[in-house]
Amino acid sequence: MSKYFTPKHIAILGIFIFVIFSTTALLLVKGYLDDRNEIEMTKVKTEKDNKDRIYVASQKDACLSVYKQESSKFNNVRSWRYDADNDSCVIVYKDTIKKTETQCTEEFTDKDTGKFYTYKGVFTDYLNCREGQFERSY
């Protein structure tokens, strides 16, 4: 045995080398597992997105059928759209009596405060009033 390296030095060096290799191995395994987890999450997200697309497409087909059915019954049907946020079919009809700008403004203004209503979709409703049309959700 060398006078420079005692058994104590060799043991410390062995422990140091073991810790370095163990840490490196753990980091490699962790990176591998993280990559596998990310791949699995991407796969799940892709499958969910595909299911969502298929669902929306089927809802649009159903909405088109409602539009065609309403068009066959009424002569004032203008258009349709699928509202994904509310999961509903919206059919737009021409109003039989077109309101004036003043009437529409009064309809969408709070009588007490004099302020325009702020519920979700109020602007669309107001524009429909101005255009002489209204919407119904199915």
C-alpha atoms as a PDB file:
ATOM      1  CA  MET A   1       0.000   0.000   0.000  1.00  0.00           C
ATOM      2  CA  SER A   2       1.241   3.482  -0.794  1.00  0.00           C
ATOM      3  CA  LYS A   3       2.247   5.899   1.902  1.00  0.00           C
ATOM      4  CA  TYR A   4       0.092   8.581   0.265  1.00  0.00           C
ATOM      5  CA  PHE A   5      -3.173   6.587   0.134  1.00  0.00           C
ATOM      6  CA  THR A   6      -4.335   4.996   3.323  1.00  0.00           C
ATOM      7  CA  PRO A   7      -7.354   2.712   3.486  1.00  0.00           C
ATOM      8  CA  LYS A   8      -9.297   5.671   4.882  1.00  0.00           C
ATOM      9  CA  HIS A   9      -8.478   7.750   1.765  1.00  0.00           C
ATOM     10  CA  ILE A  10      -9.433   4.917  -0.539  1.00  0.00           C
ATOM     11  CA  ALA A  11     -12.754   4.426   1.287  1.00  0.00           C
ATOM     12  CA  ILE A  12     -13.568   8.160   1.014  1.00  0.00           C
ATOM     13  CA  LEU A  13     -12.642   8.144  -2.673  1.00  0.00           C
ATOM     14  CA  GLY A  14     -14.824   5.059  -3.207  1.00  0.00           C
ATOM     15  CA  ILE A  15     -17.775   6.702  -1.469  1.00  0.00           C
ATOM     16  CA  PHE A  16     -17.279   9.883  -3.529  1.00  0.00           C
ATOM     17  CA  ILE A  17     -17.222   7.923  -6.801  1.00  0.00           C
ATOM     18  CA  PHE A  18     -20.296   5.912  -5.715  1.00  0.00           C
ATOM     19  CA  VAL A  19     -22.246   9.117  -4.909  1.00  0.00           C
ATOM     20  CA  ILE A  20     -21.330  10.689  -8.275  1.00  0.00           C
ATOM     21  CA  PHE A  21     -22.364   7.601 -10.262  1.00  0.00           C
ATOM     22  CA  SER A  22     -25.545   7.114  -8.214  1.00  0.00           C
ATOM     23  CA  THR A  23     -26.566  10.756  -8.663  1.00  0.00           C
ATOM     24  CA  THR A  24     -25.876  10.584 -12.380  1.00  0.00           C
ATOM     25  CA  ALA A  25     -27.862   7.373 -12.715  1.00  0.00           C
ATOM     26  CA  LEU A  26     -30.787   8.868 -10.767  1.00  0.00           C
ATOM     27  CA  LEU A  27     -30.790  11.960 -12.975  1.00  0.00           C
ATOM     28  CA  LEU A  28     -30.782   9.820 -16.111  1.00  0.00           C
ATOM     29  CA  VAL A  29     -33.667   7.694 -14.832  1.00  0.00           C
ATOM     30  CA  LYS A  30     -35.606  10.798 -13.762  1.00  0.00           C
ATOM     31  CA  GLY A  31     -35.093  12.383 -17.211  1.00  0.00           C
ATOM     32  CA  TYR A  32     -36.242   9.184 -18.890  1.00  0.00           C
ATOM     33  CA  LEU A  33     -39.369   9.014 -16.708  1.00  0.00           C
ATOM     34  CA  ASP A  34     -40.115  12.713 -17.277  1.00  0.00           C
ATOM     35  CA  ASP A  35     -39.866  12.205 -21.041  1.00  0.00           C
ATOM     36  CA  ARG A  36     -42.175   9.176 -20.881  1.00  0.00           C
ATOM     37  CA  ASN A  37     -44.653  11.110 -18.741  1.00  0.00           C
ATOM     38  CA  GLU A  38     -44.619  14.048 -21.173  1.00  0.00           C
ATOM     39  CA  ILE A  39     -45.178  11.713 -24.127  1.00  0.00           C
ATOM     40  CA  GLU A  40     -48.109  10.053 -22.307  1.00  0.00           C
ATOM     41  CA  MET A  41     -49.646  13.433 -21.416  1.00  0.00           C
ATOM     42  CA  THR A  42     -49.344  14.585 -25.035  1.00  0.00           C
ATOM     43  CA  LYS A  43     -50.996  11.365 -26.208  1.00  0.00           C
ATOM     44  CA  VAL A  44     -53.895  11.806 -23.743  1.00  0.00           C
ATOM     45  CA  LYS A  45     -54.344  15.456 -24.766  1.00  0.00           C
ATOM     46  CA  THR A  46     -54.353  14.522 -28.461  1.00  0.00           C
ATOM     47  CA  GLU A  47     -56.971  11.825 -27.856  1.00  0.00           C
ATOM     48  CA  LYS A  48     -59.136  14.291 -25.898  1.00  0.00           C
ATOM     49  CA  ASP A  49     -58.792  16.925 -28.634  1.00  0.00           C
ATOM     50  CA  ASN A  50     -59.834  14.365 -31.255  1.00  0.00           C
ATOM     51  CA  LYS A  51     -62.873  13.341 -29.202  1.00  0.00           C
ATOM     52  CA  ASP A  52     -63.798  17.009 -28.770  1.00  0.00           C
ATOM     53  CA  ARG A  53     -63.523  17.620 -32.523  1.00  0.00           C
ATOM     54  CA  ILE A  54     -65.707  14.612 -33.267  1.00  0.00           C
ATOM     55  CA  TYR A  55     -68.293  15.784 -30.715  1.00  0.00           C
ATOM     56  CA  VAL A  56     -68.375  19.333 -32.142  1.00  0.00           C
ATOM     57  CA  ALA A  57     -68.731  17.968 -35.674  1.00  0.00           C
ATOM     58  CA  SER A  58     -71.676  15.793 -34.632  1.00  0.00           C
ATOM     59  CA  GLN A  59     -73.280  18.753 -32.836  1.00  0.00           C
ATOM     60  CA  LYS A  60     -72.873  20.899 -35.961  1.00  0.00           C
ATOM     61  CA  ASP A  61     -74.547  18.165 -38.035  1.00  0.00           C
ATOM     62  CA  ALA A  62     -77.429  18.054 -35.553  1.00  0.00           C
ATOM     63  CA  CYS A  63     -77.676  21.855 -35.629  1.00  0.00           C
ATOM     64  CA  LEU A  64     -77.820  21.845 -39.420  1.00  0.00           C
ATOM     65  CA  SER A  65     -80.681  19.341 -39.207  1.00  0.00           C
ATOM     66  CA  VAL A  66     -82.554  21.660 -36.807  1.00  0.00           C
ATOM     67  CA  TYR A  67     -81.962  24.552 -39.216  1.00  0.00           C
ATOM     68  CA  LYS A  68     -83.317  22.562 -42.149  1.00  0.00           C
ATOM     69  CA  GLN A  69     -86.341  21.469 -40.133  1.00  0.00           C
ATOM     70  CA  GLU A  70     -87.068  25.043 -39.004  1.00  0.00           C
ATOM     71  CA  SER A  71     -86.573  26.327 -42.569  1.00  0.00           C
ATOM     72  CA  SER A  72     -89.147  23.860 -43.844  1.00  0.00           C
ATOM     73  CA  LYS A  73     -91.685  25.050 -41.244  1.00  0.00           C
ATOM     74  CA  PHE A  74     -91.058  28.809 -41.305  1.00  0.00           C
ATOM     75  CA  ASN A  75     -90.169  31.258 -44.058  1.00  0.00           C
ATOM     76  CA  ASN A  76     -88.326  33.694 -41.791  1.00  0.00           C
ATOM     77  CA  VAL A  77     -85.318  31.470 -40.939  1.00  0.00           C
ATOM     78  CA  ARG A  78     -82.098  33.274 -41.864  1.00  0.00           C
ATOM     79  CA  SER A  79     -79.093  31.322 -40.592  1.00  0.00           C
ATOM     80  CA  TRP A  80     -77.691  28.970 -37.978  1.00  0.00           C
ATOM     81  CA  ARG A  81     -74.547  28.389 -35.937  1.00  0.00           C
ATOM     82  CA  TYR A  82     -73.325  25.973 -33.300  1.00  0.00           C
ATOM     83  CA  ASP A  83     -72.376  27.719 -30.043  1.00  0.00           C
ATOM     84  CA  ALA A  84     -69.648  25.508 -28.545  1.00  0.00           C
ATOM     85  CA  ASP A  85     -69.400  27.592 -25.358  1.00  0.00           C
ATOM     86  CA  ASN A  86     -73.010  26.821 -24.451  1.00  0.00           C
ATOM     87  CA  ASP A  87     -73.249  23.551 -26.397  1.00  0.00           C
ATOM     88  CA  SER A  88     -76.349  24.763 -28.194  1.00  0.00           C
ATOM     89  CA  CYS A  89     -77.672  25.283 -31.683  1.00  0.00           C
ATOM     90  CA  VAL A  90     -78.604  28.881 -32.486  1.00  0.00           C
ATOM     91  CA  ILE A  91     -81.118  29.593 -35.222  1.00  0.00           C
ATOM     92  CA  VAL A  92     -81.514  33.173 -36.452  1.00  0.00           C
ATOM     93  CA  TYR A  93     -84.975  34.327 -37.570  1.00  0.00           C
ATOM     94  CA  LYS A  94     -86.141  37.488 -39.307  1.00  0.00           C
ATOM     95  CA  ASP A  95     -88.449  39.459 -37.021  1.00  0.00           C
ATOM     96  CA  THR A  96     -91.878  40.146 -38.480  1.00  0.00           C
ATOM     97  CA  ILE A  97     -91.817  43.770 -37.311  1.00  0.00           C
ATOM     98  CA  LYS A  98     -88.437  45.511 -37.481  1.00  0.00           C
ATOM     99  CA  LYS A  99     -87.811  47.786 -34.517  1.00  0.00           C
ATOM    100  CA  THR A 100     -86.328  51.271 -34.806  1.00  0.00           C
ATOM    101  CA  GLU A 101     -82.914  52.137 -33.431  1.00  0.00           C
ATOM    102  CA  THR A 102     -84.598  53.988 -30.557  1.00  0.00           C
ATOM    103  CA  GLN A 103     -86.771  50.978 -29.698  1.00  0.00           C
ATOM    104  CA  CYS A 104     -83.732  48.678 -29.687  1.00  0.00           C
ATOM    105  CA  THR A 105     -81.731  51.093 -27.529  1.00  0.00           C
ATOM    106  CA  GLU A 106     -84.616  51.354 -25.050  1.00  0.00           C
ATOM    107  CA  GLU A 107     -84.972  47.567 -24.947  1.00  0.00           C
ATOM    108  CA  PHE A 108     -81.311  47.104 -23.965  1.00  0.00           C
ATOM    109  CA  THR A 109     -81.021  50.038 -21.558  1.00  0.00           C
ATOM    110  CA  ASP A 110     -81.763  49.868 -17.836  1.00  0.00           C
ATOM    111  CA  LYS A 111     -84.677  52.226 -17.170  1.00  0.00           C
ATOM    112  CA  ASP A 112     -83.446  53.102 -13.642  1.00  0.00           C
ATOM    113  CA  THR A 113     -79.790  53.816 -14.373  1.00  0.00           C
ATOM    114  CA  GLY A 114     -79.964  54.677 -18.071  1.00  0.00           C
ATOM    115  CA  LYS A 115     -76.967  52.374 -18.706  1.00  0.00           C
ATOM    116  CA  PHE A 116     -76.715  49.737 -21.399  1.00  0.00           C
ATOM    117  CA  TYR A 117     -77.126  46.159 -20.087  1.00  0.00           C
ATOM    118  CA  THR A 118     -73.887  44.192 -19.770  1.00  0.00           C
ATOM    119  CA  TYR A 119     -74.954  40.532 -19.699  1.00  0.00           C
ATOM    120  CA  LYS A 120     -73.086  38.074 -21.893  1.00  0.00           C
ATOM    121  CA  GLY A 121     -74.346  38.296 -25.465  1.00  0.00           C
ATOM    122  CA  VAL A 122     -76.107  41.649 -25.073  1.00  0.00           C
ATOM    123  CA  PHE A 123     -74.214  43.204 -27.967  1.00  0.00           C
ATOM    124  CA  THR A 124     -75.236  40.364 -30.309  1.00  0.00           C
ATOM    125  CA  ASP A 125     -78.836  40.694 -29.137  1.00  0.00           C
ATOM    126  CA  TYR A 126     -78.726  44.456 -29.713  1.00  0.00           C
ATOM    127  CA  LEU A 127     -77.277  44.071 -33.216  1.00  0.00           C
ATOM    128  CA  ASN A 128     -79.904  41.441 -34.029  1.00  0.00           C
ATOM    129  CA  CYS A 129     -82.596  43.892 -32.914  1.00  0.00           C
ATOM    130  CA  ARG A 130     -81.105  46.570 -35.162  1.00  0.00           C
ATOM    131  CA  GLU A 131     -80.986  44.117 -38.078  1.00  0.00           C
ATOM    132  CA  GLY A 132     -84.605  43.085 -37.504  1.00  0.00           C
ATOM    133  CA  GLN A 133     -83.855  39.559 -36.435  1.00  0.00           C
ATOM    134  CA  PHE A 134     -83.783  37.401 -33.300  1.00  0.00           C
ATOM    135  CA  GLU A 135     -82.131  34.174 -32.187  1.00  0.00           C
ATOM    136  CA  ARG A 136     -83.450  31.038 -30.542  1.00  0.00           C
ATOM    137  CA  SER A 137     -81.244  28.372 -28.957  1.00  0.00           C
ATOM    138  CA  TYR A 138     -81.988  24.664 -29.177  1.00  0.00           C
END
